[in-house]
């Protein structure tokens, strides 16, 4: 619809967009409400689901307004700003913050973020984002919204770097590198946003910083889930390969190198626009995602190879001859 300006496609696009996020909320919220303990974690995840629904709602309204199906009392640039703010801060970054409090000590050996600190950050999002969004929609300047996003993003980035620097039992060097470089890129994007360079800040945050943070964690979780799947298939008494064999560190470093190529080329293409730089950054983005996909598939390939070898070992004594 956006590429060809096909008016008839905007309404179904909005419908599918909204339905996907409603389904996400329907799958997630009952478990969060029914679970016990970890109140801050559950509250933060519930708040991020609300941010995702707000993002989808704003996107659907913008789509319908672009097609002329509805008229909005707000200017579209302001609505797009609120849409982006809800998506980046109220959904993705908020999810990373609340999950990071659990997984950073587990996988990186850092200390745990104190509960009051996390509660203050979550409260800033819960109360500050709707207020700043309302100010932006009231035909006002975008200063409040920009400063809120920049301030909370910088707080997150500095918090990650501080926790890593003071980690009592630092481990998992690839994951720490993913989160360190992602936090530095996020901090740079936040400073660019505070200075009013919205396009540069958006590209650096959405295409560089957040993929570094999310993909680093995705690789760790995929390998762990692969090991759990092997444990379920093999049962007790079978010596399983360690998680590092299902996804070696060398593979993780290669994915990081691919994402860092994007981190160099994309900002360069924005600062010095030229056809070769733009094309090179586009190729780097596609290649880095293809490398990520191939690396994740490697967990399944190694697990299948282990199962095949285990089956062959179990069968060979019975078929080796002799009564």
Protein backbone atom coordinates (compact mmCIF):
# COMPACT_ATOMS: atom_id res chain seq x y z
CA UNK A 1 0.00 0.00 0.00
CA UNK A 2 2.76 2.45 0.88
CA UNK A 3 5.02 1.61 -2.04
CA UNK A 4 2.33 1.87 -4.72
CA UNK A 5 -0.10 4.19 -2.89
CA UNK A 6 -2.88 1.68 -3.47
CA UNK A 7 -5.80 3.12 -1.51
CA UNK A 8 -7.72 -0.17 -1.36
CA UNK A 9 -4.86 -1.95 0.44
CA UNK A 10 -4.58 0.37 3.43
CA UNK A 11 -7.75 -0.85 5.17
CA UNK A 12 -6.87 -4.60 5.09
CA UNK A 13 -3.28 -3.77 6.02
CA UNK A 14 -4.52 -1.89 9.08
CA UNK A 15 -6.84 -4.76 9.97
CA UNK A 16 -4.09 -7.39 9.82
CA UNK A 17 -1.68 -5.13 11.71
CA UNK A 18 -4.15 -4.59 14.54
CA UNK A 19 -5.22 -8.24 14.62
CA UNK A 20 -1.62 -9.44 14.99
CA UNK A 21 -1.03 -7.30 18.06
CA UNK A 22 -4.40 -8.14 19.60
CA UNK A 23 -3.49 -11.80 19.18
CA UNK A 24 -0.13 -11.16 20.82
CA UNK A 25 -1.86 -9.54 23.78
CA UNK A 26 -4.40 -12.37 23.99
CA UNK A 27 -1.62 -14.97 24.06
CA UNK A 28 0.53 -13.14 26.60
CA UNK A 29 -1.58 -11.20 29.09
CA UNK A 30 -3.48 -14.16 30.66
CA UNK A 31 -0.20 -15.81 31.61
CA UNK A 32 1.20 -12.58 33.04
CA UNK A 33 -1.95 -11.96 35.07
CA UNK A 34 -2.18 -15.51 36.36
CA UNK A 35 1.50 -15.95 37.25
CA UNK A 36 2.76 -15.41 40.76
CA UNK A 37 5.89 -13.61 41.94
CA UNK A 38 8.24 -11.37 39.95
CA UNK A 39 5.80 -8.48 40.16
CA UNK A 40 8.15 -5.98 38.51
CA UNK A 41 8.87 -8.35 35.63
CA UNK A 42 5.19 -9.09 35.04
CA UNK A 43 4.24 -5.43 35.33
CA UNK A 44 6.96 -4.40 32.90
CA UNK A 45 6.00 -7.03 30.34
CA UNK A 46 2.35 -6.09 30.65
CA UNK A 47 3.28 -2.45 30.12
CA UNK A 48 5.29 -3.38 27.03
CA UNK A 49 2.27 -5.23 25.60
CA UNK A 50 0.23 -2.06 26.16
CA UNK A 51 2.95 -0.14 24.31
CA UNK A 52 2.78 -2.62 21.45
CA UNK A 53 -1.00 -2.20 21.20
CA UNK A 54 -0.60 1.60 21.23
CA UNK A 55 2.00 1.33 18.48
CA UNK A 56 -0.30 -0.79 16.33
CA UNK A 57 -3.25 1.53 16.96
CA UNK A 58 -1.27 4.60 15.92
CA UNK A 59 0.01 2.77 12.85
CA UNK A 60 -3.48 1.72 11.84
CA UNK A 61 -4.81 5.27 12.26
CA UNK A 62 -1.97 6.67 10.15
CA UNK A 63 -2.58 4.07 7.43
CA UNK A 64 -6.31 4.79 7.27
CA UNK A 65 -5.69 8.54 7.30
CA UNK A 66 -3.18 8.28 4.45
CA UNK A 67 -5.79 6.46 2.37
CA UNK A 68 -8.42 9.08 3.17
CA UNK A 69 -10.69 6.59 4.96
CA UNK A 70 -10.75 8.61 8.18
CA UNK A 71 -9.98 12.14 9.29
CA UNK A 72 -7.93 12.64 12.43
CA UNK A 73 -7.96 15.66 14.73
CA UNK A 74 -4.15 15.44 14.93
CA UNK A 75 -1.56 16.29 12.28
CA UNK A 76 -0.05 13.18 10.72
CA UNK A 77 3.59 14.12 11.55
CA UNK A 78 2.67 14.30 15.24
CA UNK A 79 0.84 10.99 15.06
CA UNK A 80 3.83 9.35 13.35
CA UNK A 81 6.11 10.67 16.11
CA UNK A 82 3.87 9.15 18.78
CA UNK A 83 3.71 5.90 16.79
CA UNK A 84 7.52 5.72 16.69
CA UNK A 85 7.89 6.66 20.36
CA UNK A 86 5.42 4.00 21.50
CA UNK A 87 7.15 1.38 19.36
CA UNK A 88 10.76 2.10 20.28
CA UNK A 89 10.37 3.13 23.92
CA UNK A 90 7.01 1.77 25.06
CA UNK A 91 7.36 -1.63 23.44
CA UNK A 92 10.87 -2.75 22.40
CA UNK A 93 13.17 -0.89 24.77
CA UNK A 94 10.84 -1.47 27.70
CA UNK A 95 10.83 -5.21 26.95
CA UNK A 96 14.64 -5.24 26.83
CA UNK A 97 14.86 -3.40 30.16
CA UNK A 98 12.59 -5.74 32.12
CA UNK A 99 13.96 -8.93 30.55
CA UNK A 100 17.53 -7.64 30.85
CA UNK A 101 17.18 -7.42 34.62
CA UNK A 102 16.74 -11.21 34.62
CA UNK A 103 19.05 -12.34 31.82
CA UNK A 104 22.05 -10.06 32.41
CA UNK A 105 22.91 -11.67 35.77
CA UNK A 106 22.08 -15.10 34.34
CA UNK A 107 24.05 -14.95 31.09
CA UNK A 108 26.56 -12.12 31.60
CA UNK A 109 27.38 -12.47 35.30
CA UNK A 110 26.39 -8.91 36.24
CA UNK A 111 24.72 -7.67 39.37
CA UNK A 112 20.92 -7.34 39.43
CA UNK A 113 19.37 -3.93 38.88
CA UNK A 114 17.82 -2.79 42.19
CA UNK A 115 14.03 -2.99 42.24
CA UNK A 116 13.46 0.72 43.04
CA UNK A 117 15.67 1.74 40.09
CA UNK A 118 13.72 -0.44 37.68
CA UNK A 119 10.42 0.74 39.17
CA UNK A 120 11.45 4.38 38.65
CA UNK A 121 12.38 3.71 35.00
CA UNK A 122 9.10 1.88 34.38
CA UNK A 123 7.15 4.65 36.07
CA UNK A 124 8.83 7.23 33.85
CA UNK A 125 7.59 5.33 30.80
CA UNK A 126 4.12 4.63 32.18
CA UNK A 127 3.41 8.26 33.10
CA UNK A 128 5.87 10.22 30.98
CA UNK A 129 5.16 8.65 27.58
CA UNK A 130 1.37 9.29 27.54
CA UNK A 131 1.93 12.84 28.81
CA UNK A 132 4.64 13.65 26.25
CA UNK A 133 2.54 12.05 23.50
CA UNK A 134 -0.46 14.20 24.47
CA UNK A 135 1.70 17.32 24.32
CA UNK A 136 2.97 16.34 20.87
CA UNK A 137 -0.52 15.64 19.55
CA UNK A 138 -1.76 19.00 20.81
CA UNK A 139 0.04 20.67 17.85
CA UNK A 140 2.90 21.49 20.19
CA UNK A 141 6.62 21.10 19.69
CA UNK A 142 8.20 17.65 19.86
CA UNK A 143 10.74 18.72 22.53
CA UNK A 144 9.12 16.87 25.44
CA UNK A 145 8.77 13.62 23.49
CA UNK A 146 12.34 13.78 22.18
CA UNK A 147 13.81 14.51 25.59
CA UNK A 148 11.86 11.67 27.23
CA UNK A 149 13.04 9.14 24.65
CA UNK A 150 16.61 10.39 24.73
CA UNK A 151 16.81 10.49 28.52
CA UNK A 152 15.41 7.02 29.15
CA UNK A 153 17.46 5.48 26.34
CA UNK A 154 20.66 7.02 27.70
CA UNK A 155 19.78 5.78 31.19
CA UNK A 156 19.39 2.24 29.84
CA UNK A 157 22.63 2.39 27.82
CA UNK A 158 24.68 3.75 30.72
CA UNK A 159 23.11 1.21 33.06
CA UNK A 160 24.15 -1.70 30.84
CA UNK A 161 27.71 -0.38 30.48
CA UNK A 162 28.00 0.24 34.23
CA UNK A 163 26.72 -3.24 35.12
CA UNK A 164 29.10 -4.88 32.66
CA UNK A 165 32.08 -2.89 33.91
CA UNK A 166 31.37 -3.92 37.52
CA UNK A 167 30.30 -7.51 36.81
CA UNK A 168 31.49 -9.71 39.70
CA UNK A 169 31.50 -12.87 37.55
CA UNK A 170 31.78 -11.64 33.95
CA UNK A 171 31.20 -14.37 31.38
CA UNK A 172 29.91 -14.97 27.86
CA UNK A 173 32.16 -12.56 25.99
CA UNK A 174 30.16 -12.59 22.70
CA UNK A 175 26.88 -11.67 24.40
CA UNK A 176 28.59 -8.97 26.44
CA UNK A 177 30.05 -7.55 23.22
CA UNK A 178 26.61 -7.54 21.56
CA UNK A 179 25.10 -5.62 24.47
CA UNK A 180 28.08 -3.28 24.88
CA UNK A 181 28.10 -2.21 21.24
CA UNK A 182 24.29 -2.07 21.15
CA UNK A 183 24.23 0.17 24.22
CA UNK A 184 26.87 2.49 22.76
CA UNK A 185 24.89 2.75 19.51
CA UNK A 186 21.68 3.39 21.46
CA UNK A 187 23.35 6.13 23.47
CA UNK A 188 24.63 7.75 20.26
CA UNK A 189 21.13 7.56 18.76
CA UNK A 190 19.68 9.17 21.88
CA UNK A 191 22.15 12.07 21.71
CA UNK A 192 21.33 12.55 18.02
CA UNK A 193 17.62 12.62 18.85
CA UNK A 194 18.15 15.14 21.64
CA UNK A 195 19.95 17.38 19.13
CA UNK A 196 17.06 17.14 16.67
CA UNK A 197 18.60 14.74 14.13
CA UNK A 198 15.58 12.45 13.97
CA UNK A 199 16.39 10.53 10.79
CA UNK A 200 19.93 9.71 11.90
CA UNK A 201 18.73 8.78 15.40
CA UNK A 202 15.97 6.53 14.06
CA UNK A 203 18.26 4.67 11.67
CA UNK A 204 20.93 4.20 14.34
CA UNK A 205 18.42 2.98 16.95
CA UNK A 206 16.16 0.79 14.81
CA UNK A 207 18.69 -0.64 12.34
CA UNK A 208 21.81 -0.84 14.55
CA UNK A 209 21.31 -0.60 18.33
CA UNK A 210 18.15 -2.62 18.87
CA UNK A 211 19.21 -5.48 16.51
CA UNK A 212 22.52 -5.76 18.37
CA UNK A 213 20.73 -6.04 21.72
CA UNK A 214 17.95 -8.34 20.51
CA UNK A 215 20.00 -10.62 18.24
CA UNK A 216 22.69 -11.19 20.85
CA UNK A 217 20.04 -12.39 23.28
CA UNK A 218 18.24 -14.36 20.55
CA UNK A 219 21.38 -16.39 19.83
CA UNK A 220 21.81 -17.19 23.52
CA UNK A 221 18.19 -18.24 23.99
CA UNK A 222 18.07 -20.27 20.76
CA UNK A 223 21.08 -22.34 21.85
CA UNK A 224 19.58 -22.87 25.30
CA UNK A 225 16.23 -23.95 23.84
CA UNK A 226 18.05 -26.31 21.48
CA UNK A 227 19.75 -27.94 24.47
CA UNK A 228 16.39 -28.26 26.30
CA UNK A 229 14.88 -29.90 23.22
CA UNK A 230 17.73 -32.42 23.13
CA UNK A 231 17.21 -33.15 26.82
CA UNK A 232 13.52 -33.88 26.22
CA UNK A 233 14.26 -36.12 23.26
CA UNK A 234 17.07 -38.10 24.88
CA UNK A 235 15.85 -38.25 28.46
CA UNK A 236 17.92 -39.08 31.50
CA UNK A 237 21.21 -40.92 31.28
CA UNK A 238 22.39 -39.45 27.96
CA UNK A 239 25.40 -37.17 28.02
CA UNK A 240 24.33 -34.12 26.04
CA UNK A 241 26.64 -31.67 24.29
CA UNK A 242 27.07 -28.35 26.09
CA UNK A 243 25.23 -25.29 24.84
CA UNK A 244 28.48 -23.90 23.40
CA UNK A 245 28.73 -26.87 21.04
CA UNK A 246 25.24 -26.25 19.69
CA UNK A 247 26.18 -22.64 18.95
CA UNK A 248 29.95 -22.03 19.09
CA UNK A 249 31.32 -18.64 20.03
CA UNK A 250 32.90 -18.31 16.58
CA UNK A 251 29.43 -18.27 15.01
CA UNK A 252 28.27 -15.59 17.42
CA UNK A 253 31.29 -13.42 16.65
CA UNK A 254 30.53 -13.71 12.92
CA UNK A 255 26.97 -12.48 13.45
CA UNK A 256 28.31 -9.59 15.52
CA UNK A 257 30.76 -8.70 12.74
CA UNK A 258 27.90 -8.63 10.23
CA UNK A 259 25.84 -6.29 12.41
CA UNK A 260 28.86 -4.06 13.02
CA UNK A 261 29.29 -3.72 9.25
CA UNK A 262 25.76 -2.27 9.19
CA UNK A 263 26.71 -0.01 12.11
CA UNK A 264 29.52 1.48 10.00
CA UNK A 265 27.90 1.63 6.57
CA UNK A 266 24.40 2.88 7.39
CA UNK A 267 25.44 6.00 9.35
CA UNK A 268 28.02 6.73 6.65
CA UNK A 269 25.30 6.53 3.98
CA UNK A 270 23.22 9.02 5.96
CA UNK A 271 26.09 11.44 6.58
CA UNK A 272 27.51 11.27 3.06
CA UNK A 273 24.64 10.18 0.79
CA UNK A 274 25.86 8.43 -2.32
CA UNK A 275 24.57 5.54 -4.36
CA UNK A 276 27.49 3.16 -3.56
CA UNK A 277 27.22 3.75 0.19
CA UNK A 278 23.44 3.34 0.19
CA UNK A 279 23.68 0.13 -1.81
CA UNK A 280 26.50 -1.20 0.37
CA UNK A 281 24.52 -0.53 3.56
CA UNK A 282 21.45 -2.27 2.08
CA UNK A 283 23.53 -5.31 1.13
CA UNK A 284 25.07 -5.34 4.61
CA UNK A 285 21.64 -5.32 6.27
CA UNK A 286 20.36 -8.21 4.14
CA UNK A 287 23.60 -10.18 4.52
CA UNK A 288 23.66 -9.74 8.31
CA UNK A 289 20.10 -11.07 8.61
CA UNK A 290 20.88 -13.99 6.32
CA UNK A 291 23.93 -14.80 8.46
CA UNK A 292 21.79 -14.61 11.59
CA UNK A 293 19.26 -17.02 10.04
CA UNK A 294 21.99 -19.47 9.01
CA UNK A 295 23.55 -19.31 12.47
CA UNK A 296 20.23 -20.02 14.18
CA UNK A 297 19.66 -22.93 11.81
CA UNK A 298 23.04 -24.24 12.93
CA UNK A 299 21.57 -25.10 16.33
CA UNK A 300 19.05 -27.40 14.67
CA UNK A 301 21.69 -28.92 12.36
CA UNK A 302 24.05 -29.77 15.23
CA UNK A 303 21.22 -31.13 17.37
CA UNK A 304 20.03 -33.36 14.50
CA UNK A 305 23.59 -34.58 13.94
CA UNK A 306 23.95 -35.45 17.62
CA UNK A 307 20.66 -37.38 17.59
CA UNK A 308 21.69 -39.27 14.46
CA UNK A 309 25.05 -40.20 16.01
CA UNK A 310 23.33 -41.26 19.25
CA UNK A 311 20.90 -43.48 17.34
CA UNK A 312 23.74 -45.04 15.36
CA UNK A 313 25.65 -45.76 18.57
CA UNK A 314 22.59 -47.33 20.18
CA UNK A 315 21.87 -49.54 17.17
CA UNK A 316 25.39 -50.74 16.36
CA UNK A 317 25.85 -53.09 19.38
CA UNK A 318 22.66 -54.92 18.45
CA UNK A 319 23.60 -55.30 14.80
CA UNK A 320 27.30 -56.07 15.15
CA UNK A 321 26.90 -59.85 14.83
CA UNK A 322 27.07 -62.76 17.27
CA UNK A 323 24.34 -64.22 19.45
